[in-house]
């Protein structure tokens, strides 16, 4: 169950990080409300997952999902450059996330 909570927390991190682009520095009400709610929900789920999982693993996986997901959404939806180097480094992040999960002992 902790891994499911952690995956959802990571997906919420993708959502709130992309959402920050639409808040205009937290000057737009509804994008700011949704982004803030995403931040809180993501942190709460991360903290629940960290009850069972080692914090280094939980935090690393959470950050990896968020960073890779935000980069991919940025490229696919927001028109950010999709260079070979960026794709390579996103793949490295995903390898690190899988490696942390495989070596966590859970």
C-alpha atoms as a PDB file:
ATOM      1  CA  UNK A   1       0.000   0.000   0.000  1.00  0.00           C
ATOM      2  CA  UNK A   2       2.892   2.387   0.772  1.00  0.00           C
ATOM      3  CA  UNK A   3       4.146   2.097  -2.804  1.00  0.00           C
ATOM      4  CA  UNK A   4       0.717   2.973  -4.189  1.00  0.00           C
ATOM      5  CA  UNK A   5       0.506   6.015  -1.909  1.00  0.00           C
ATOM      6  CA  UNK A   6       3.996   7.024  -2.991  1.00  0.00           C
ATOM      7  CA  UNK A   7       3.130   6.674  -6.692  1.00  0.00           C
ATOM      8  CA  UNK A   8       0.008   8.819  -6.245  1.00  0.00           C
ATOM      9  CA  UNK A   9       2.052  11.365  -4.269  1.00  0.00           C
ATOM     10  CA  UNK A  10       4.550  11.494  -7.140  1.00  0.00           C
ATOM     11  CA  UNK A  11       1.798  12.003  -9.702  1.00  0.00           C
ATOM     12  CA  UNK A  12       0.355  14.784  -7.572  1.00  0.00           C
ATOM     13  CA  UNK A  13       3.818  16.349  -7.518  1.00  0.00           C
ATOM     14  CA  UNK A  14       3.771  16.356 -11.310  1.00  0.00           C
ATOM     15  CA  UNK A  15       0.362  18.052 -11.187  1.00  0.00           C
ATOM     16  CA  UNK A  16       1.298  20.772  -8.723  1.00  0.00           C
ATOM     17  CA  UNK A  17       4.636  21.490 -10.347  1.00  0.00           C
ATOM     18  CA  UNK A  18       2.961  21.978 -13.723  1.00  0.00           C
ATOM     19  CA  UNK A  19       0.168  23.893 -11.985  1.00  0.00           C
ATOM     20  CA  UNK A  20       2.673  26.452 -10.712  1.00  0.00           C
ATOM     21  CA  UNK A  21       3.181  27.574 -14.303  1.00  0.00           C
ATOM     22  CA  UNK A  22      -0.477  28.617 -14.411  1.00  0.00           C
ATOM     23  CA  UNK A  23      -0.580  30.486 -11.079  1.00  0.00           C
ATOM     24  CA  UNK A  24       1.369  33.506 -12.400  1.00  0.00           C
ATOM     25  CA  UNK A  25       3.309  33.741  -9.154  1.00  0.00           C
ATOM     26  CA  UNK A  26       0.255  32.743  -7.111  1.00  0.00           C
ATOM     27  CA  UNK A  27      -1.662  35.779  -8.353  1.00  0.00           C
ATOM     28  CA  UNK A  28      -4.437  33.754 -10.056  1.00  0.00           C
ATOM     29  CA  UNK A  29      -6.931  32.367  -7.550  1.00  0.00           C
ATOM     30  CA  UNK A  30      -8.100  29.004  -8.870  1.00  0.00           C
ATOM     31  CA  UNK A  31      -4.817  27.772 -10.310  1.00  0.00           C
ATOM     32  CA  UNK A  32      -3.225  28.766  -6.983  1.00  0.00           C
ATOM     33  CA  UNK A  33      -5.884  26.931  -4.959  1.00  0.00           C
ATOM     34  CA  UNK A  34      -5.520  23.737  -7.012  1.00  0.00           C
ATOM     35  CA  UNK A  35      -1.730  23.939  -6.922  1.00  0.00           C
ATOM     36  CA  UNK A  36      -1.722  24.475  -3.155  1.00  0.00           C
ATOM     37  CA  UNK A  37      -4.116  21.566  -2.638  1.00  0.00           C
ATOM     38  CA  UNK A  38      -1.880  19.369  -4.800  1.00  0.00           C
ATOM     39  CA  UNK A  39       1.177  20.325  -2.748  1.00  0.00           C
ATOM     40  CA  UNK A  40      -0.557  19.483   0.525  1.00  0.00           C
ATOM     41  CA  UNK A  41      -2.038  16.207  -0.749  1.00  0.00           C
ATOM     42  CA  UNK A  42       1.284  15.134  -2.235  1.00  0.00           C
ATOM     43  CA  UNK A  43       3.160  15.824   1.008  1.00  0.00           C
ATOM     44  CA  UNK A  44       0.541  14.048   3.124  1.00  0.00           C
ATOM     45  CA  UNK A  45       0.704  10.934   0.949  1.00  0.00           C
ATOM     46  CA  UNK A  46       4.509  11.050   0.994  1.00  0.00           C
ATOM     47  CA  UNK A  47       4.461  11.203   4.791  1.00  0.00           C
ATOM     48  CA  UNK A  48       2.100   8.198   4.986  1.00  0.00           C
ATOM     49  CA  UNK A  49       4.323   6.205   2.625  1.00  0.00           C
ATOM     50  CA  UNK A  50       7.387   7.136   4.697  1.00  0.00           C
ATOM     51  CA  UNK A  51       5.824   5.457   7.742  1.00  0.00           C
ATOM     52  CA  UNK A  52       6.665   2.119   6.125  1.00  0.00           C
ATOM     53  CA  UNK A  53       9.352   2.857   3.537  1.00  0.00           C
ATOM     54  CA  UNK A  54      12.837   4.176   4.254  1.00  0.00           C
ATOM     55  CA  UNK A  55      12.739   7.972   3.940  1.00  0.00           C
ATOM     56  CA  UNK A  56      15.660   8.069   1.506  1.00  0.00           C
ATOM     57  CA  UNK A  57      13.859   5.686  -0.795  1.00  0.00           C
ATOM     58  CA  UNK A  58      10.449   7.333  -0.413  1.00  0.00           C
ATOM     59  CA  UNK A  59      11.765  10.841  -0.963  1.00  0.00           C
ATOM     60  CA  UNK A  60      14.002   9.796  -3.853  1.00  0.00           C
ATOM     61  CA  UNK A  61      11.186   8.008  -5.646  1.00  0.00           C
ATOM     62  CA  UNK A  62       8.792  10.906  -5.005  1.00  0.00           C
ATOM     63  CA  UNK A  63      11.246  13.448  -6.402  1.00  0.00           C
ATOM     64  CA  UNK A  64      12.121  11.204  -9.341  1.00  0.00           C
ATOM     65  CA  UNK A  65       8.501  10.687 -10.352  1.00  0.00           C
ATOM     66  CA  UNK A  66       7.834  14.403  -9.989  1.00  0.00           C
ATOM     67  CA  UNK A  67      10.902  15.562 -11.897  1.00  0.00           C
ATOM     68  CA  UNK A  68      10.588  13.052 -14.725  1.00  0.00           C
ATOM     69  CA  UNK A  69       6.833  13.530 -14.978  1.00  0.00           C
ATOM     70  CA  UNK A  70       7.061  17.317 -15.030  1.00  0.00           C
ATOM     71  CA  UNK A  71       9.746  17.183 -17.711  1.00  0.00           C
ATOM     72  CA  UNK A  72       7.706  14.816 -19.874  1.00  0.00           C
ATOM     73  CA  UNK A  73       4.499  16.842 -19.474  1.00  0.00           C
ATOM     74  CA  UNK A  74       6.473  19.988 -20.230  1.00  0.00           C
ATOM     75  CA  UNK A  75       7.718  18.476 -23.472  1.00  0.00           C
ATOM     76  CA  UNK A  76       4.439  16.876 -24.541  1.00  0.00           C
ATOM     77  CA  UNK A  77       1.966  19.553 -23.459  1.00  0.00           C
ATOM     78  CA  UNK A  78       3.806  22.820 -22.884  1.00  0.00           C
ATOM     79  CA  UNK A  79       6.043  22.769 -25.941  1.00  0.00           C
ATOM     80  CA  UNK A  80       9.346  22.544 -24.074  1.00  0.00           C
ATOM     81  CA  UNK A  81      12.289  21.207 -26.115  1.00  0.00           C
ATOM     82  CA  UNK A  82      12.452  17.427 -26.433  1.00  0.00           C
ATOM     83  CA  UNK A  83      16.146  16.985 -27.145  1.00  0.00           C
ATOM     84  CA  UNK A  84      17.955  13.676 -27.085  1.00  0.00           C
ATOM     85  CA  UNK A  85      19.932  14.823 -24.037  1.00  0.00           C
ATOM     86  CA  UNK A  86      16.782  15.703 -22.056  1.00  0.00           C
ATOM     87  CA  UNK A  87      15.171  12.373 -22.901  1.00  0.00           C
ATOM     88  CA  UNK A  88      18.378  10.538 -21.918  1.00  0.00           C
ATOM     89  CA  UNK A  89      18.503  12.227 -18.517  1.00  0.00           C
ATOM     90  CA  UNK A  90      14.802  11.582 -17.880  1.00  0.00           C
ATOM     91  CA  UNK A  91      15.513   7.912 -18.568  1.00  0.00           C
ATOM     92  CA  UNK A  92      18.374   8.060 -16.043  1.00  0.00           C
ATOM     93  CA  UNK A  93      15.932   9.433 -13.466  1.00  0.00           C
ATOM     94  CA  UNK A  94      13.546   6.584 -14.123  1.00  0.00           C
ATOM     95  CA  UNK A  95      16.366   4.038 -13.806  1.00  0.00           C
ATOM     96  CA  UNK A  96      17.267   5.596 -10.441  1.00  0.00           C
ATOM     97  CA  UNK A  97      13.646   5.405  -9.246  1.00  0.00           C
ATOM     98  CA  UNK A  98      13.396   1.728 -10.226  1.00  0.00           C
ATOM     99  CA  UNK A  99      16.763   1.053  -8.587  1.00  0.00           C
ATOM    100  CA  UNK A 100      15.661   2.663  -5.329  1.00  0.00           C
ATOM    101  CA  UNK A 101      12.487   0.603  -5.309  1.00  0.00           C
ATOM    102  CA  UNK A 102      14.320  -2.635  -6.048  1.00  0.00           C
ATOM    103  CA  UNK A 103      16.899  -2.077  -3.308  1.00  0.00           C
ATOM    104  CA  UNK A 104      14.550  -0.788  -0.598  1.00  0.00           C
ATOM    105  CA  UNK A 105      13.878  -4.213   0.897  1.00  0.00           C
ATOM    106  CA  UNK A 106      10.094  -3.652   0.794  1.00  0.00           C
END
